[in-house]
């Protein structure tokens, strides 16, 4: 589907089709790009390129959108994976969580 295209999906209430816009590029990025980036870092490449991500994804016959890979690399430019993980953990602490469910 093209960026911004609409897809019909069944409505859970009326039974009529509900139209949803495809999410923007950042929201459409799957974890495979981040996983490929992390694999490159774990292999010793501290600054993977979009080409490195593409090579990893193609090695497992996964599709690779070069614009998504380039966007990820540009967003992570100048940052270390360790910094990103640390910052992410701090954000999750502020997120909170729910308690366990009540017993029966």
N, C-alpha and C. Protein backbone atom coordinates (compact mmCIF):
# COMPACT_ATOMS: atom_id res chain seq x y z
N UNK A 1 0.82 -1.18 0.00
CA UNK A 1 0.00 0.00 0.00
C UNK A 1 0.86 1.24 0.00
N UNK A 2 0.40 2.26 -0.65
CA UNK A 2 1.15 3.51 -0.70
C UNK A 2 0.97 4.27 0.61
N UNK A 3 1.94 5.11 0.94
CA UNK A 3 1.86 5.92 2.13
C UNK A 3 0.59 6.75 2.08
N UNK A 4 -0.16 6.78 3.15
CA UNK A 4 -1.38 7.57 3.22
C UNK A 4 -2.59 6.91 2.59
N UNK A 5 -2.45 5.67 2.11
CA UNK A 5 -3.59 5.00 1.51
C UNK A 5 -4.55 4.56 2.60
N UNK A 6 -5.76 4.26 2.20
CA UNK A 6 -6.79 3.88 3.17
C UNK A 6 -7.11 2.41 3.00
N UNK A 7 -7.35 1.77 4.10
CA UNK A 7 -7.65 0.34 4.10
C UNK A 7 -8.97 0.13 4.82
N UNK A 8 -9.86 -0.66 4.21
CA UNK A 8 -11.13 -0.96 4.85
C UNK A 8 -10.93 -2.07 5.87
N UNK A 9 -11.51 -1.90 7.03
CA UNK A 9 -11.50 -2.96 8.02
C UNK A 9 -12.88 -3.03 8.64
N UNK A 10 -13.31 -4.19 9.07
CA UNK A 10 -14.65 -4.28 9.61
C UNK A 10 -14.79 -3.50 10.90
N UNK A 11 -15.93 -2.88 11.07
CA UNK A 11 -16.20 -2.14 12.28
C UNK A 11 -16.68 -3.11 13.34
N UNK A 12 -16.25 -2.92 14.57
CA UNK A 12 -16.66 -3.83 15.63
C UNK A 12 -18.07 -3.55 16.12
N UNK A 13 -18.65 -2.39 15.79
CA UNK A 13 -19.99 -2.05 16.29
C UNK A 13 -21.06 -2.18 15.22
N UNK A 14 -20.89 -1.50 14.11
CA UNK A 14 -21.96 -1.42 13.12
C UNK A 14 -21.91 -2.52 12.08
N UNK A 15 -20.79 -3.21 11.95
CA UNK A 15 -20.66 -4.21 10.91
C UNK A 15 -20.32 -3.60 9.56
N UNK A 16 -20.32 -2.27 9.45
CA UNK A 16 -19.95 -1.58 8.22
C UNK A 16 -18.44 -1.38 8.18
N UNK A 17 -17.87 -1.25 6.98
CA UNK A 17 -16.41 -1.05 6.92
C UNK A 17 -16.00 0.26 7.59
N UNK A 18 -14.88 0.21 8.23
CA UNK A 18 -14.29 1.40 8.86
C UNK A 18 -13.01 1.67 8.08
N UNK A 19 -12.75 2.91 7.74
CA UNK A 19 -11.56 3.23 6.96
C UNK A 19 -10.50 3.81 7.87
N UNK A 20 -9.30 3.29 7.71
CA UNK A 20 -8.17 3.73 8.51
C UNK A 20 -7.06 4.19 7.59
N UNK A 21 -6.45 5.29 7.93
CA UNK A 21 -5.29 5.73 7.18
C UNK A 21 -4.09 4.94 7.63
N UNK A 22 -3.18 4.67 6.69
CA UNK A 22 -1.93 3.99 7.05
C UNK A 22 -1.11 4.94 7.91
N UNK A 23 -0.46 4.43 8.96
CA UNK A 23 0.30 5.30 9.85
C UNK A 23 1.48 5.95 9.13
N UNK A 24 1.94 7.09 9.65
CA UNK A 24 3.11 7.74 9.04
C UNK A 24 4.33 6.84 9.12
N UNK A 25 5.37 7.20 8.39
CA UNK A 25 6.57 6.39 8.27
C UNK A 25 7.12 5.94 9.61
N UNK A 26 7.26 6.84 10.56
CA UNK A 26 7.84 6.48 11.86
C UNK A 26 6.98 5.43 12.57
N UNK A 27 5.67 5.56 12.48
CA UNK A 27 4.79 4.61 13.15
C UNK A 27 4.76 3.28 12.41
N UNK A 28 5.05 3.29 11.12
CA UNK A 28 5.00 2.07 10.32
C UNK A 28 6.27 1.24 10.44
N UNK A 29 7.31 1.82 11.04
CA UNK A 29 8.57 1.09 11.15
C UNK A 29 8.39 -0.10 12.07
N UNK A 30 8.80 -1.25 11.60
CA UNK A 30 8.69 -2.43 12.44
C UNK A 30 9.98 -2.61 13.24
N UNK A 31 9.93 -3.47 14.20
CA UNK A 31 11.10 -3.70 15.05
C UNK A 31 12.25 -4.39 14.32
N UNK A 32 11.99 -4.91 13.13
CA UNK A 32 13.07 -5.60 12.42
C UNK A 32 14.22 -4.65 12.11
N UNK A 33 13.94 -3.38 11.90
CA UNK A 33 15.00 -2.41 11.61
C UNK A 33 15.86 -2.17 12.86
N UNK A 34 15.18 -1.99 14.00
CA UNK A 34 15.92 -1.79 15.26
C UNK A 34 16.70 -3.05 15.61
N UNK A 35 16.11 -4.22 15.37
CA UNK A 35 16.79 -5.48 15.67
C UNK A 35 18.03 -5.64 14.79
N UNK A 36 17.91 -5.31 13.52
CA UNK A 36 19.06 -5.41 12.61
C UNK A 36 20.16 -4.43 13.04
N UNK A 37 19.76 -3.23 13.47
CA UNK A 37 20.72 -2.23 13.94
C UNK A 37 21.47 -2.79 15.17
N UNK A 38 20.70 -3.36 16.11
CA UNK A 38 21.31 -3.92 17.32
C UNK A 38 22.23 -5.09 16.99
N UNK A 39 21.85 -5.91 16.02
CA UNK A 39 22.69 -7.04 15.63
C UNK A 39 24.03 -6.54 15.09
N UNK A 40 23.99 -5.47 14.31
CA UNK A 40 25.22 -4.90 13.77
C UNK A 40 26.10 -4.37 14.90
N UNK A 41 25.49 -3.72 15.89
CA UNK A 41 26.25 -3.20 17.03
C UNK A 41 26.87 -4.36 17.82
N UNK A 42 26.08 -5.40 18.05
CA UNK A 42 26.60 -6.56 18.79
C UNK A 42 27.74 -7.25 18.04
N UNK A 43 27.74 -7.11 16.72
CA UNK A 43 28.81 -7.70 15.91
C UNK A 43 30.06 -6.82 15.89
N UNK A 44 30.01 -5.67 16.57
CA UNK A 44 31.19 -4.81 16.66
C UNK A 44 31.13 -3.54 15.85
N UNK A 45 30.04 -3.29 15.15
CA UNK A 45 29.89 -2.07 14.36
C UNK A 45 29.17 -1.03 15.21
N UNK A 46 29.91 -0.08 15.78
CA UNK A 46 29.32 0.91 16.68
C UNK A 46 28.45 1.93 15.97
N UNK A 47 28.56 2.03 14.67
CA UNK A 47 27.78 3.02 13.91
C UNK A 47 27.29 2.40 12.61
N UNK A 48 26.28 1.52 12.68
CA UNK A 48 25.79 0.85 11.47
C UNK A 48 25.18 1.84 10.48
N UNK A 49 25.32 1.54 9.22
CA UNK A 49 24.73 2.36 8.16
C UNK A 49 23.42 1.73 7.72
N UNK A 50 22.67 2.46 6.90
CA UNK A 50 21.44 1.92 6.33
C UNK A 50 21.76 0.69 5.48
N UNK A 51 22.91 0.71 4.82
CA UNK A 51 23.33 -0.44 4.02
C UNK A 51 23.59 -1.67 4.88
N UNK A 52 24.15 -1.46 6.07
CA UNK A 52 24.38 -2.57 7.00
C UNK A 52 23.05 -3.19 7.42
N UNK A 53 22.07 -2.35 7.72
CA UNK A 53 20.74 -2.82 8.11
C UNK A 53 20.12 -3.60 6.96
N UNK A 54 20.22 -3.04 5.77
CA UNK A 54 19.66 -3.71 4.59
C UNK A 54 20.31 -5.08 4.37
N UNK A 55 21.62 -5.14 4.50
CA UNK A 55 22.34 -6.40 4.29
C UNK A 55 21.88 -7.46 5.30
N UNK A 56 21.70 -7.06 6.56
CA UNK A 56 21.25 -8.00 7.59
C UNK A 56 19.84 -8.49 7.29
N UNK A 57 18.94 -7.58 6.95
CA UNK A 57 17.56 -7.97 6.67
C UNK A 57 17.46 -8.86 5.43
N UNK A 58 18.22 -8.52 4.41
CA UNK A 58 18.19 -9.34 3.19
C UNK A 58 18.78 -10.72 3.43
N UNK A 59 19.69 -10.85 4.40
CA UNK A 59 20.29 -12.15 4.68
C UNK A 59 19.26 -13.15 5.23
N UNK A 60 18.16 -12.64 5.76
CA UNK A 60 17.09 -13.51 6.25
C UNK A 60 15.85 -13.38 5.38
N UNK A 61 16.06 -12.88 4.16
CA UNK A 61 15.01 -12.72 3.15
C UNK A 61 13.85 -11.85 3.62
N UNK A 62 14.16 -10.84 4.45
CA UNK A 62 13.16 -9.87 4.89
C UNK A 62 13.21 -8.66 3.96
N UNK A 63 12.07 -8.07 3.73
CA UNK A 63 12.02 -6.85 2.92
C UNK A 63 12.64 -5.71 3.69
N UNK A 64 13.27 -4.81 2.96
CA UNK A 64 13.90 -3.66 3.59
C UNK A 64 13.54 -2.40 2.81
N UNK A 65 12.94 -1.45 3.47
CA UNK A 65 12.65 -0.14 2.89
C UNK A 65 13.83 0.76 3.24
N UNK A 66 14.61 1.13 2.26
CA UNK A 66 15.83 1.88 2.53
C UNK A 66 15.54 3.22 3.20
N UNK A 67 14.38 3.83 2.92
CA UNK A 67 14.07 5.11 3.56
C UNK A 67 13.84 4.94 5.06
N UNK A 68 13.28 3.81 5.47
CA UNK A 68 13.08 3.54 6.89
C UNK A 68 14.43 3.30 7.56
N UNK A 69 15.29 2.52 6.91
CA UNK A 69 16.62 2.25 7.46
C UNK A 69 17.42 3.55 7.58
N UNK A 70 17.36 4.40 6.57
CA UNK A 70 18.07 5.68 6.61
C UNK A 70 17.54 6.58 7.71
N UNK A 71 16.23 6.59 7.91
CA UNK A 71 15.61 7.40 8.96
C UNK A 71 16.10 6.93 10.34
N UNK A 72 16.13 5.62 10.54
CA UNK A 72 16.60 5.08 11.82
C UNK A 72 18.05 5.46 12.08
N UNK A 73 18.90 5.29 11.07
CA UNK A 73 20.32 5.62 11.22
C UNK A 73 20.50 7.11 11.53
N UNK A 74 19.73 7.96 10.86
CA UNK A 74 19.86 9.40 11.11
C UNK A 74 19.37 9.77 12.51
N UNK A 75 18.32 9.10 12.99
CA UNK A 75 17.80 9.38 14.34
C UNK A 75 18.78 8.92 15.42
N UNK A 76 19.55 7.87 15.14
CA UNK A 76 20.48 7.33 16.13
C UNK A 76 21.90 7.86 15.98
N UNK A 77 22.12 8.70 15.00
CA UNK A 77 23.45 9.24 14.74
C UNK A 77 23.99 9.97 15.97
N UNK A 78 25.20 9.62 16.37
CA UNK A 78 25.86 10.27 17.50
C UNK A 78 25.45 9.72 18.86
N UNK A 79 24.60 8.70 18.88
CA UNK A 79 24.15 8.12 20.14
C UNK A 79 24.67 6.70 20.23
N UNK A 80 24.97 6.27 21.44
CA UNK A 80 25.38 4.88 21.63
C UNK A 80 24.16 4.07 22.06
N UNK A 81 24.21 2.79 21.75
CA UNK A 81 23.11 1.91 22.13
C UNK A 81 22.94 1.90 23.65
N UNK A 82 24.05 1.94 24.37
CA UNK A 82 23.98 1.93 25.83
C UNK A 82 23.25 3.15 26.36
N UNK A 83 23.48 4.32 25.75
CA UNK A 83 22.77 5.54 26.16
C UNK A 83 21.28 5.41 25.88
N UNK A 84 20.95 4.87 24.72
CA UNK A 84 19.54 4.72 24.33
C UNK A 84 18.80 3.79 25.28
N UNK A 85 19.44 2.70 25.66
CA UNK A 85 18.81 1.74 26.58
C UNK A 85 18.63 2.38 27.95
N UNK A 86 19.65 3.08 28.42
CA UNK A 86 19.57 3.74 29.72
C UNK A 86 18.44 4.78 29.73
N UNK A 87 18.37 5.60 28.69
CA UNK A 87 17.31 6.61 28.60
C UNK A 87 15.93 5.95 28.53
N UNK A 88 15.84 4.85 27.81
CA UNK A 88 14.57 4.13 27.70
C UNK A 88 14.12 3.57 29.03
N UNK A 89 15.06 3.04 29.80
CA UNK A 89 14.73 2.50 31.12
C UNK A 89 14.21 3.60 32.04
N UNK A 90 14.83 4.78 31.97
CA UNK A 90 14.38 5.91 32.80
C UNK A 90 12.95 6.31 32.41
N UNK A 91 12.65 6.31 31.13
CA UNK A 91 11.30 6.66 30.68
C UNK A 91 10.29 5.63 31.15
N UNK A 92 10.67 4.36 31.15
CA UNK A 92 9.76 3.31 31.60
C UNK A 92 9.48 3.40 33.10
N UNK A 93 10.46 3.87 33.88
CA UNK A 93 10.24 4.03 35.32
C UNK A 93 9.13 5.03 35.57
N UNK A 94 9.10 6.10 34.80
CA UNK A 94 8.08 7.13 34.96
C UNK A 94 6.71 6.67 34.46
N UNK A 95 6.71 5.66 33.62
CA UNK A 95 5.47 5.15 33.02
C UNK A 95 4.60 4.48 34.08
N UNK A 96 5.20 3.85 35.04
CA UNK A 96 4.43 3.15 36.07
C UNK A 96 3.93 1.82 35.59
N UNK A 97 3.08 1.24 36.33
CA UNK A 97 2.51 -0.05 35.94
C UNK A 97 1.35 -0.38 36.84
N UNK A 98 0.61 -1.36 36.43
CA UNK A 98 -0.54 -1.76 37.21
C UNK A 98 -0.18 -2.84 38.20
N UNK A 99 -1.02 -3.00 39.15
CA UNK A 99 -0.84 -4.05 40.13
C UNK A 99 -1.35 -5.37 39.57
N UNK A 100 -1.11 -6.40 40.27
CA UNK A 100 -1.58 -7.73 39.85
C UNK A 100 -3.10 -7.80 39.95
N UNK A 101 -3.67 -8.68 39.20
CA UNK A 101 -5.11 -8.86 39.22
C UNK A 101 -5.55 -9.51 40.53
N UNK A 102 -6.77 -9.29 40.88
CA UNK A 102 -7.32 -9.87 42.10
C UNK A 102 -7.55 -11.37 41.94
N UNK A 103 -7.36 -12.08 42.97
CA UNK A 103 -7.60 -13.51 42.96
C UNK A 103 -9.10 -13.80 42.98
N UNK A 104 -9.44 -14.99 42.78
CA UNK A 104 -10.86 -15.33 42.70
C UNK A 104 -11.43 -15.79 43.93
